[in-house]
PDB file of N, CA and C in Angstrom:
ATOM      1  N   UNK A   1     -23.170  66.775 -53.472  1.00  0.00           N
ATOM      2  CA  UNK A   1     -22.283  67.819 -53.657  1.00  0.00           C
ATOM      3  C   UNK A   1     -22.363  68.918 -52.620  1.00  0.00           C
ATOM      4  N   UNK A   2     -21.217  69.463 -52.271  1.00  0.00           N
ATOM      5  CA  UNK A   2     -21.011  70.598 -51.271  1.00  0.00           C
ATOM      6  C   UNK A   2     -20.120  71.533 -51.638  1.00  0.00           C
ATOM      7  N   UNK A   3     -20.652  72.852 -51.491  1.00  0.00           N
ATOM      8  CA  UNK A   3     -19.820  74.153 -51.527  1.00  0.00           C
ATOM      9  C   UNK A   3     -19.256  74.076 -50.139  1.00  0.00           C
ATOM     10  N   UNK A   4     -17.892  74.155 -50.199  1.00  0.00           N
ATOM     11  CA  UNK A   4     -17.190  74.305 -48.967  1.00  0.00           C
ATOM     12  C   UNK A   4     -17.048  75.747 -48.310  1.00  0.00           C
ATOM     13  N   UNK A   5     -17.731  76.175 -47.533  1.00  0.00           N
ATOM     14  CA  UNK A   5     -17.793  77.390 -46.858  1.00  0.00           C
ATOM     15  C   UNK A   5     -17.387  77.315 -45.459  1.00  0.00           C
ATOM     16  N   UNK A   6     -17.898  78.386 -44.570  1.00  0.00           N
ATOM     17  CA  UNK A   6     -17.360  78.181 -43.309  1.00  0.00           C
ATOM     18  C   UNK A   6     -17.603  77.096 -42.559  1.00  0.00           C
ATOM     19  N   UNK A   7     -16.661  76.703 -41.845  1.00  0.00           N
ATOM     20  CA  UNK A   7     -16.530  75.233 -41.299  1.00  0.00           C
ATOM     21  C   UNK A   7     -15.280  74.383 -42.005  1.00  0.00           C
ATOM     22  N   UNK A   8     -15.248  74.752 -43.426  1.00  0.00           N
ATOM     23  CA  UNK A   8     -14.366  74.009 -44.176  1.00  0.00           C
ATOM     24  C   UNK A   8     -14.864  72.498 -44.286  1.00  0.00           C
ATOM     25  N   UNK A   9     -13.997  71.700 -44.853  1.00  0.00           N
ATOM     26  CA  UNK A   9     -14.202  70.368 -44.917  1.00  0.00           C
ATOM     27  C   UNK A   9     -14.532  69.591 -43.796  1.00  0.00           C
ATOM     28  N   UNK A  10     -14.005  69.867 -42.564  1.00  0.00           N
ATOM     29  CA  UNK A  10     -14.566  69.174 -41.412  1.00  0.00           C
ATOM     30  C   UNK A  10     -15.967  69.339 -40.832  1.00  0.00           C
ATOM     31  N   UNK A  11     -16.434  70.569 -41.215  1.00  0.00           N
ATOM     32  CA  UNK A  11     -17.812  70.727 -40.828  1.00  0.00           C
ATOM     33  C   UNK A  11     -18.948  70.292 -41.971  1.00  0.00           C
ATOM     34  N   UNK A  12     -18.384  70.743 -43.241  1.00  0.00           N
ATOM     35  CA  UNK A  12     -19.542  70.665 -44.441  1.00  0.00           C
ATOM     36  C   UNK A  12     -19.617  69.118 -44.822  1.00  0.00           C
ATOM     37  N   UNK A  13     -18.518  68.343 -44.937  1.00  0.00           N
ATOM     38  CA  UNK A  13     -18.679  67.192 -45.540  1.00  0.00           C
ATOM     39  C   UNK A  13     -19.806  66.123 -44.505  1.00  0.00           C
ATOM     40  N   UNK A  14     -19.579  66.171 -43.337  1.00  0.00           N
ATOM     41  CA  UNK A  14     -20.781  65.284 -42.518  1.00  0.00           C
ATOM     42  C   UNK A  14     -22.158  65.838 -42.664  1.00  0.00           C
ATOM     43  N   UNK A  15     -22.259  66.899 -43.329  1.00  0.00           N
ATOM     44  CA  UNK A  15     -23.741  67.305 -43.628  1.00  0.00           C
ATOM     45  C   UNK A  15     -24.202  66.549 -44.771  1.00  0.00           C
ATOM     46  N   UNK A  16     -23.316  65.992 -45.657  1.00  0.00           N
ATOM     47  CA  UNK A  16     -23.511  65.301 -46.816  1.00  0.00           C
ATOM     48  C   UNK A  16     -23.690  63.904 -46.837  1.00  0.00           C
ATOM     49  N   UNK A  17     -23.246  63.234 -45.859  1.00  0.00           N
ATOM     50  CA  UNK A  17     -22.947  61.801 -45.695  1.00  0.00           C
ATOM     51  C   UNK A  17     -23.837  61.306 -44.767  1.00  0.00           C
ATOM     52  N   UNK A  18     -23.967  59.938 -44.727  1.00  0.00           N
ATOM     53  CA  UNK A  18     -24.815  59.258 -43.809  1.00  0.00           C
ATOM     54  C   UNK A  18     -24.021  59.261 -42.389  1.00  0.00           C
ATOM     55  N   UNK A  19     -24.982  59.449 -41.347  1.00  0.00           N
ATOM     56  CA  UNK A  19     -24.192  59.450 -40.081  1.00  0.00           C
ATOM     57  C   UNK A  19     -23.408  58.177 -39.766  1.00  0.00           C
ATOM     58  N   UNK A  20     -23.561  57.224 -40.521  1.00  0.00           N
ATOM     59  CA  UNK A  20     -22.961  55.810 -39.951  1.00  0.00           C
ATOM     60  C   UNK A  20     -21.536  55.907 -41.025  1.00  0.00           C
ATOM     61  N   UNK A  21     -21.200  56.900 -41.570  1.00  0.00           N
ATOM     62  CA  UNK A  21     -19.928  57.025 -42.453  1.00  0.00           C
ATOM     63  C   UNK A  21     -19.069  57.965 -41.947  1.00  0.00           C
ATOM     64  N   UNK A  22     -17.742  57.820 -42.198  1.00  0.00           N
ATOM     65  CA  UNK A  22     -16.828  58.884 -42.058  1.00  0.00           C
ATOM     66  C   UNK A  22     -16.112  59.155 -43.358  1.00  0.00           C
ATOM     67  N   UNK A  23     -15.744  60.524 -43.540  1.00  0.00           N
ATOM     68  CA  UNK A  23     -15.023  60.724 -44.480  1.00  0.00           C
ATOM     69  C   UNK A  23     -13.553  60.935 -44.354  1.00  0.00           C
ATOM     70  N   UNK A  24     -12.882  60.111 -45.159  1.00  0.00           N
ATOM     71  CA  UNK A  24     -11.206  60.280 -44.814  1.00  0.00           C
ATOM     72  C   UNK A  24     -10.768  61.012 -46.010  1.00  0.00           C
ATOM     73  N   UNK A  25      -9.951  62.182 -45.778  1.00  0.00           N
ATOM     74  CA  UNK A  25      -9.456  63.139 -46.728  1.00  0.00           C
ATOM     75  C   UNK A  25      -8.129  63.098 -46.726  1.00  0.00           C
ATOM     76  N   UNK A  26      -7.438  62.866 -47.917  1.00  0.00           N
ATOM     77  CA  UNK A  26      -5.912  62.997 -47.916  1.00  0.00           C
ATOM     78  C   UNK A  26      -5.408  64.143 -48.777  1.00  0.00           C
ATOM     79  N   UNK A  27      -4.743  65.102 -48.161  1.00  0.00           N
ATOM     80  CA  UNK A  27      -4.333  66.582 -48.718  1.00  0.00           C
ATOM     81  C   UNK A  27      -3.236  66.192 -49.494  1.00  0.00           C
ATOM     82  N   UNK A  28      -3.735  65.638 -50.803  1.00  0.00           N
ATOM     83  CA  UNK A  28      -2.609  65.221 -51.741  1.00  0.00           C
ATOM     84  C   UNK A  28      -2.783  66.271 -53.077  1.00  0.00           C
ATOM     85  N   UNK A  29      -3.647  67.160 -52.828  1.00  0.00           N
ATOM     86  CA  UNK A  29      -3.830  68.086 -53.983  1.00  0.00           C
ATOM     87  C   UNK A  29      -2.881  69.282 -53.734  1.00  0.00           C
ATOM     88  N   UNK A  30      -2.527  70.038 -54.702  1.00  0.00           N
ATOM     89  CA  UNK A  30      -1.483  71.225 -54.701  1.00  0.00           C
ATOM     90  C   UNK A  30      -2.100  72.452 -53.950  1.00  0.00           C
ATOM     91  N   UNK A  31      -1.758  72.487 -52.614  1.00  0.00           N
ATOM     92  CA  UNK A  31      -2.238  73.775 -51.570  1.00  0.00           C
ATOM     93  C   UNK A  31      -1.870  75.068 -52.150  1.00  0.00           C
ATOM     94  N   UNK A  32      -2.657  75.908 -52.605  1.00  0.00           N
ATOM     95  CA  UNK A  32      -2.163  77.213 -52.940  1.00  0.00           C
ATOM     96  C   UNK A  32      -1.135  77.918 -51.888  1.00  0.00           C
ATOM     97  N   UNK A  33      -0.089  78.423 -52.344  1.00  0.00           N
ATOM     98  CA  UNK A  33       0.856  79.048 -51.432  1.00  0.00           C
ATOM     99  C   UNK A  33       0.542  80.017 -50.347  1.00  0.00           C
ATOM    100  N   UNK A  34      -0.572  80.822 -50.768  1.00  0.00           N
ATOM    101  CA  UNK A  34      -1.072  81.697 -49.847  1.00  0.00           C
ATOM    102  C   UNK A  34      -1.630  81.102 -48.544  1.00  0.00           C
ATOM    103  N   UNK A  35      -1.822  79.827 -48.748  1.00  0.00           N
ATOM    104  CA  UNK A  35      -2.390  79.215 -47.234  1.00  0.00           C
ATOM    105  C   UNK A  35      -1.151  78.930 -46.270  1.00  0.00           C
ATOM    106  N   UNK A  36      -0.152  78.383 -47.079  1.00  0.00           N
ATOM    107  CA  UNK A  36       1.169  78.148 -46.182  1.00  0.00           C
ATOM    108  C   UNK A  36       1.743  79.507 -45.698  1.00  0.00           C
ATOM    109  N   UNK A  37       1.595  80.545 -46.325  1.00  0.00           N
ATOM    110  CA  UNK A  37       1.864  81.988 -46.003  1.00  0.00           C
ATOM    111  C   UNK A  37       0.972  82.483 -44.776  1.00  0.00           C
ATOM    112  N   UNK A  38      -0.239  82.135 -44.844  1.00  0.00           N
ATOM    113  CA  UNK A  38      -1.199  82.754 -43.804  1.00  0.00           C
ATOM    114  C   UNK A  38      -1.147  81.647 -42.585  1.00  0.00           C
ATOM    115  N   UNK A  39      -0.821  80.465 -42.699  1.00  0.00           N
ATOM    116  CA  UNK A  39      -0.636  79.747 -41.559  1.00  0.00           C
ATOM    117  C   UNK A  39       0.964  79.943 -40.743  1.00  0.00           C
ATOM    118  N   UNK A  40       1.854  80.540 -41.681  1.00  0.00           N
ATOM    119  CA  UNK A  40       2.949  80.753 -40.860  1.00  0.00           C
ATOM    120  C   UNK A  40       2.921  82.136 -40.217  1.00  0.00           C
ATOM    121  N   UNK A  41       2.393  83.031 -41.118  1.00  0.00           N
ATOM    122  CA  UNK A  41       2.729  84.537 -40.358  1.00  0.00           C
ATOM    123  C   UNK A  41       1.389  84.727 -39.097  1.00  0.00           C
ATOM    124  N   UNK A  42       0.348  83.772 -39.358  1.00  0.00           N
ATOM    125  CA  UNK A  42      -0.643  83.872 -38.444  1.00  0.00           C
ATOM    126  C   UNK A  42      -0.442  82.967 -37.264  1.00  0.00           C
ATOM    127  N   UNK A  43       0.454  81.887 -37.201  1.00  0.00           N
ATOM    128  CA  UNK A  43       0.615  81.041 -36.240  1.00  0.00           C
ATOM    129  C   UNK A  43      -0.695  80.075 -36.307  1.00  0.00           C
ATOM    130  N   UNK A  44      -1.409  79.809 -37.255  1.00  0.00           N
ATOM    131  CA  UNK A  44      -2.499  79.143 -37.401  1.00  0.00           C
ATOM    132  C   UNK A  44      -2.307  77.558 -37.297  1.00  0.00           C
ATOM    133  N   UNK A  45      -3.111  76.721 -36.505  1.00  0.00           N
ATOM    134  CA  UNK A  45      -2.837  75.285 -36.578  1.00  0.00           C
ATOM    135  C   UNK A  45      -3.238  74.714 -37.800  1.00  0.00           C
ATOM    136  N   UNK A  46      -2.830  73.676 -38.133  1.00  0.00           N
ATOM    137  CA  UNK A  46      -3.232  72.756 -39.285  1.00  0.00           C
ATOM    138  C   UNK A  46      -4.660  72.697 -39.084  1.00  0.00           C
ATOM    139  N   UNK A  47      -5.330  72.191 -38.098  1.00  0.00           N
ATOM    140  CA  UNK A  47      -6.648  71.970 -37.968  1.00  0.00           C
ATOM    141  C   UNK A  47      -7.433  73.233 -38.235  1.00  0.00           C
ATOM    142  N   UNK A  48      -7.079  74.319 -37.647  1.00  0.00           N
ATOM    143  CA  UNK A  48      -7.777  75.694 -38.018  1.00  0.00           C
ATOM    144  C   UNK A  48      -7.925  75.966 -39.468  1.00  0.00           C
ATOM    145  N   UNK A  49      -6.503  75.796 -40.230  1.00  0.00           N
ATOM    146  CA  UNK A  49      -6.318  76.196 -41.478  1.00  0.00           C
ATOM    147  C   UNK A  49      -7.297  75.144 -42.282  1.00  0.00           C
ATOM    148  N   UNK A  50      -7.653  74.025 -42.030  1.00  0.00           N
ATOM    149  CA  UNK A  50      -8.636  73.064 -42.658  1.00  0.00           C
ATOM    150  C   UNK A  50     -10.058  73.445 -42.492  1.00  0.00           C
ATOM    151  N   UNK A  51     -10.232  74.030 -41.143  1.00  0.00           N
ATOM    152  CA  UNK A  51     -11.571  74.461 -40.685  1.00  0.00           C
ATOM    153  C   UNK A  51     -12.128  75.604 -41.437  1.00  0.00           C
ATOM    154  N   UNK A  52     -11.047  76.562 -41.458  1.00  0.00           N
ATOM    155  CA  UNK A  52     -11.445  77.972 -41.839  1.00  0.00           C
ATOM    156  C   UNK A  52     -11.289  78.130 -43.246  1.00  0.00           C
ATOM    157  N   UNK A  53      -9.951  77.589 -43.917  1.00  0.00           N
ATOM    158  CA  UNK A  53      -9.679  78.141 -45.298  1.00  0.00           C
ATOM    159  C   UNK A  53      -9.785  76.977 -46.085  1.00  0.00           C
ATOM    160  N   UNK A  54      -9.987  75.634 -45.813  1.00  0.00           N
ATOM    161  CA  UNK A  54     -10.330  74.507 -46.534  1.00  0.00           C
ATOM    162  C   UNK A  54      -9.155  73.971 -47.547  1.00  0.00           C
ATOM    163  N   UNK A  55      -8.096  74.877 -47.290  1.00  0.00           N
ATOM    164  CA  UNK A  55      -6.858  74.528 -48.108  1.00  0.00           C
ATOM    165  C   UNK A  55      -7.021  74.512 -49.675  1.00  0.00           C
ATOM    166  N   UNK A  56      -7.957  75.293 -50.117  1.00  0.00           N
ATOM    167  CA  UNK A  56      -8.027  75.469 -51.534  1.00  0.00           C
ATOM    168  C   UNK A  56      -9.083  74.834 -52.170  1.00  0.00           C
ATOM    169  N   UNK A  57      -9.718  74.057 -51.417  1.00  0.00           N
ATOM    170  CA  UNK A  57     -10.961  73.150 -52.247  1.00  0.00           C
ATOM    171  C   UNK A  57     -12.327  73.999 -51.822  1.00  0.00           C
ATOM    172  N   UNK A  58     -12.877  74.320 -52.772  1.00  0.00           N
ATOM    173  CA  UNK A  58     -14.195  75.076 -52.585  1.00  0.00           C
ATOM    174  C   UNK A  58     -15.229  74.339 -52.877  1.00  0.00           C
ATOM    175  N   UNK A  59     -15.348  72.956 -53.377  1.00  0.00           N
ATOM    176  CA  UNK A  59     -16.534  72.309 -53.905  1.00  0.00           C
ATOM    177  C   UNK A  59     -16.232  71.011 -53.985  1.00  0.00           C
ATOM    178  N   UNK A  60     -17.034  70.007 -53.210  1.00  0.00           N
ATOM    179  CA  UNK A  60     -16.769  68.655 -53.452  1.00  0.00           C
ATOM    180  C   UNK A  60     -17.905  67.897 -54.230  1.00  0.00           C
ATOM    181  N   UNK A  61     -17.619  66.651 -54.418  1.00  0.00           N
ATOM    182  CA  UNK A  61     -18.856  65.839 -55.037  1.00  0.00           C
ATOM    183  C   UNK A  61     -18.454  64.471 -54.316  1.00  0.00           C
ATOM    184  N   UNK A  62     -19.362  64.021 -53.712  1.00  0.00           N
ATOM    185  CA  UNK A  62     -19.414  62.634 -52.894  1.00  0.00           C
ATOM    186  C   UNK A  62     -20.434  61.757 -53.961  1.00  0.00           C
ATOM    187  N   UNK A  63     -19.601  60.663 -54.491  1.00  0.00           N
ATOM    188  CA  UNK A  63     -20.217  59.680 -55.292  1.00  0.00           C
ATOM    189  C   UNK A  63     -19.451  58.361 -55.269  1.00  0.00           C
ATOM    190  N   UNK A  64     -20.115  57.404 -56.137  1.00  0.00           N
ATOM    191  CA  UNK A  64     -19.457  56.082 -56.122  1.00  0.00           C
ATOM    192  C   UNK A  64     -18.199  56.141 -56.897  1.00  0.00           C
ATOM    193  N   UNK A  65     -17.538  55.286 -56.635  1.00  0.00           N
ATOM    194  CA  UNK A  65     -15.937  55.187 -57.478  1.00  0.00           C
ATOM    195  C   UNK A  65     -16.332  55.341 -58.879  1.00  0.00           C
ATOM    196  N   UNK A  66     -17.168  54.552 -59.596  1.00  0.00           N
ATOM    197  CA  UNK A  66     -17.440  54.543 -60.978  1.00  0.00           C
ATOM    198  C   UNK A  66     -17.785  55.793 -61.440  1.00  0.00           C
ATOM    199  N   UNK A  67     -18.626  56.592 -60.739  1.00  0.00           N
ATOM    200  CA  UNK A  67     -18.811  57.917 -61.070  1.00  0.00           C
ATOM    201  C   UNK A  67     -17.725  58.904 -61.096  1.00  0.00           C
ATOM    202  N   UNK A  68     -16.916  58.612 -59.981  1.00  0.00           N
ATOM    203  CA  UNK A  68     -15.706  59.312 -59.907  1.00  0.00           C
ATOM    204  C   UNK A  68     -14.724  59.378 -61.092  1.00  0.00           C
ATOM    205  N   UNK A  69     -14.595  58.031 -61.469  1.00  0.00           N
ATOM    206  CA  UNK A  69     -13.687  57.624 -62.686  1.00  0.00           C
ATOM    207  C   UNK A  69     -14.235  58.467 -63.880  1.00  0.00           C
ATOM    208  N   UNK A  70     -15.527  58.465 -64.138  1.00  0.00           N
ATOM    209  CA  UNK A  70     -16.361  59.057 -65.154  1.00  0.00           C
ATOM    210  C   UNK A  70     -15.886  60.650 -65.060  1.00  0.00           C
ATOM    211  N   UNK A  71     -16.229  61.158 -63.891  1.00  0.00           N
ATOM    212  CA  UNK A  71     -16.099  62.710 -63.658  1.00  0.00           C
ATOM    213  C   UNK A  71     -14.579  63.146 -64.194  1.00  0.00           C
ATOM    214  N   UNK A  72     -13.625  62.280 -63.858  1.00  0.00           N
ATOM    215  CA  UNK A  72     -12.418  62.798 -63.898  1.00  0.00           C
ATOM    216  C   UNK A  72     -12.127  62.630 -65.435  1.00  0.00           C
ATOM    217  N   UNK A  73     -12.414  61.406 -66.251  1.00  0.00           N
ATOM    218  CA  UNK A  73     -12.320  61.486 -67.528  1.00  0.00           C
ATOM    219  C   UNK A  73     -12.768  62.469 -68.306  1.00  0.00           C
ATOM    220  N   UNK A  74     -13.882  63.182 -68.064  1.00  0.00           N
ATOM    221  CA  UNK A  74     -14.669  64.229 -68.583  1.00  0.00           C
ATOM    222  C   UNK A  74     -14.046  65.533 -68.277  1.00  0.00           C
ATOM    223  N   UNK A  75     -13.385  65.648 -67.107  1.00  0.00           N
ATOM    224  CA  UNK A  75     -12.899  67.072 -66.709  1.00  0.00           C
ATOM    225  C   UNK A  75     -11.581  66.585 -65.838  1.00  0.00           C
ATOM    226  N   UNK A  76     -10.408  66.702 -66.248  1.00  0.00           N
ATOM    227  CA  UNK A  76      -9.256  66.256 -65.395  1.00  0.00           C
ATOM    228  C   UNK A  76      -8.837  67.131 -64.329  1.00  0.00           C
ATOM    229  N   UNK A  77      -9.571  68.304 -64.125  1.00  0.00           N
ATOM    230  CA  UNK A  77      -9.409  69.167 -63.231  1.00  0.00           C
ATOM    231  C   UNK A  77     -10.071  68.761 -61.694  1.00  0.00           C
ATOM    232  N   UNK A  78     -11.068  67.710 -61.641  1.00  0.00           N
ATOM    233  CA  UNK A  78     -11.408  67.035 -60.701  1.00  0.00           C
ATOM    234  C   UNK A  78     -10.648  66.035 -60.376  1.00  0.00           C
ATOM    235  N   UNK A  79     -10.359  65.904 -58.960  1.00  0.00           N
ATOM    236  CA  UNK A  79      -9.445  64.859 -58.363  1.00  0.00           C
ATOM    237  C   UNK A  79     -10.191  64.233 -57.374  1.00  0.00           C
ATOM    238  N   UNK A  80      -9.727  62.845 -57.105  1.00  0.00           N
ATOM    239  CA  UNK A  80     -10.296  62.379 -55.862  1.00  0.00           C
ATOM    240  C   UNK A  80      -9.395  62.638 -54.500  1.00  0.00           C
ATOM    241  N   UNK A  81     -10.124  63.042 -53.581  1.00  0.00           N
ATOM    242  CA  UNK A  81      -9.332  63.521 -52.391  1.00  0.00           C
ATOM    243  C   UNK A  81      -9.615  62.847 -51.178  1.00  0.00           C
ATOM    244  N   UNK A  82     -10.430  61.875 -51.207  1.00  0.00           N
ATOM    245  CA  UNK A  82     -10.563  61.027 -50.033  1.00  0.00           C
ATOM    246  C   UNK A  82     -11.906  59.887 -50.432  1.00  0.00           C
ATOM    247  N   UNK A  83     -12.141  59.188 -49.295  1.00  0.00           N
ATOM    248  CA  UNK A  83     -12.942  58.122 -49.406  1.00  0.00           C
ATOM    249  C   UNK A  83     -14.010  58.000 -48.223  1.00  0.00           C
ATOM    250  N   UNK A  84     -15.056  57.181 -48.377  1.00  0.00           N
ATOM    251  CA  UNK A  84     -15.865  56.892 -47.127  1.00  0.00           C
ATOM    252  C   UNK A  84     -15.668  55.826 -46.591  1.00  0.00           C
ATOM    253  N   UNK A  85     -15.698  55.463 -45.126  1.00  0.00           N
ATOM    254  CA  UNK A  85     -15.781  54.559 -44.654  1.00  0.00           C
ATOM    255  C   UNK A  85     -16.787  54.257 -43.395  1.00  0.00           C
ATOM    256  N   UNK A  86     -17.094  53.076 -42.677  1.00  0.00           N
ATOM    257  CA  UNK A  86     -18.053  53.092 -41.739  1.00  0.00           C
ATOM    258  C   UNK A  86     -17.374  53.914 -40.428  1.00  0.00           C
ATOM    259  N   UNK A  87     -18.373  54.449 -39.841  1.00  0.00           N
ATOM    260  CA  UNK A  87     -17.917  55.571 -38.717  1.00  0.00           C
ATOM    261  C   UNK A  87     -19.078  56.096 -38.146  1.00  0.00           C
ATOM    262  N   UNK A  88     -18.878  57.341 -37.547  1.00  0.00           N
ATOM    263  CA  UNK A  88     -19.937  58.129 -36.655  1.00  0.00           C
ATOM    264  C   UNK A  88     -20.096  59.392 -37.365  1.00  0.00           C
ATOM    265  N   UNK A  89     -19.965  59.550 -38.911  1.00  0.00           N
ATOM    266  CA  UNK A  89     -20.456  60.940 -39.408  1.00  0.00           C
ATOM    267  C   UNK A  89     -19.341  62.017 -39.241  1.00  0.00           C
ATOM    268  N   UNK A  90     -18.150  61.690 -39.133  1.00  0.00           N
ATOM    269  CA  UNK A  90     -17.122  62.636 -39.028  1.00  0.00           C
ATOM    270  C   UNK A  90     -16.119  62.738 -40.248  1.00  0.00           C
ATOM    271  N   UNK A  91     -15.502  63.643 -40.271  1.00  0.00           N
ATOM    272  CA  UNK A  91     -14.491  64.083 -41.359  1.00  0.00           C
ATOM    273  C   UNK A  91     -12.910  63.782 -40.682  1.00  0.00           C
ATOM    274  N   UNK A  92     -12.098  63.040 -41.261  1.00  0.00           N
ATOM    275  CA  UNK A  92     -10.848  62.817 -40.849  1.00  0.00           C
ATOM    276  C   UNK A  92      -9.887  63.410 -42.077  1.00  0.00           C
ATOM    277  N   UNK A  93      -9.016  64.185 -41.504  1.00  0.00           N
ATOM    278  CA  UNK A  93      -7.970  64.762 -42.449  1.00  0.00           C
ATOM    279  C   UNK A  93      -6.796  64.051 -42.150  1.00  0.00           C
ATOM    280  N   UNK A  94      -6.319  63.233 -42.998  1.00  0.00           N
ATOM    281  CA  UNK A  94      -5.020  62.652 -42.617  1.00  0.00           C
ATOM    282  C   UNK A  94      -3.959  63.512 -42.225  1.00  0.00           C
ATOM    283  N   UNK A  95      -3.477  63.119 -41.154  1.00  0.00           N
ATOM    284  CA  UNK A  95      -2.171  64.089 -40.668  1.00  0.00           C
ATOM    285  C   UNK A  95      -2.722  65.077 -39.668  1.00  0.00           C
ATOM    286  N   UNK A  96      -3.823  65.348 -39.613  1.00  0.00           N
ATOM    287  CA  UNK A  96      -4.539  66.494 -38.904  1.00  0.00           C
ATOM    288  C   UNK A  96      -5.429  66.061 -37.682  1.00  0.00           C
ATOM    289  N   UNK A  97      -4.984  66.409 -36.532  1.00  0.00           N
ATOM    290  CA  UNK A  97      -5.861  66.063 -35.493  1.00  0.00           C
ATOM    291  C   UNK A  97      -7.283  66.721 -35.371  1.00  0.00           C
ATOM    292  N   UNK A  98      -8.301  66.037 -35.742  1.00  0.00           N
ATOM    293  CA  UNK A  98      -9.656  66.994 -35.733  1.00  0.00           C
ATOM    294  C   UNK A  98     -10.209  66.492 -34.413  1.00  0.00           C
TER     295      UNK A  98
END
């Protein structure tokens, strides 16, 4: 589990996973409108938006698929936002150059 604070998803997730895995995040959740507004008026890059503002995610749970299904059944506010794959301990956000 990780509380997503400074550094956002990009810097916090690698602290929770084995160094031989990468986290692949798909931003398919409803991003609050305030983030689009901040990005537009501030001229903030997508990478910086994810690093600083985490696009609305404040907490993540990293678990196996069966546990993820049980969590979602128990509380539909939880959603799967990515997966792990072999790698070098980094976070990839689909569509954002990290």
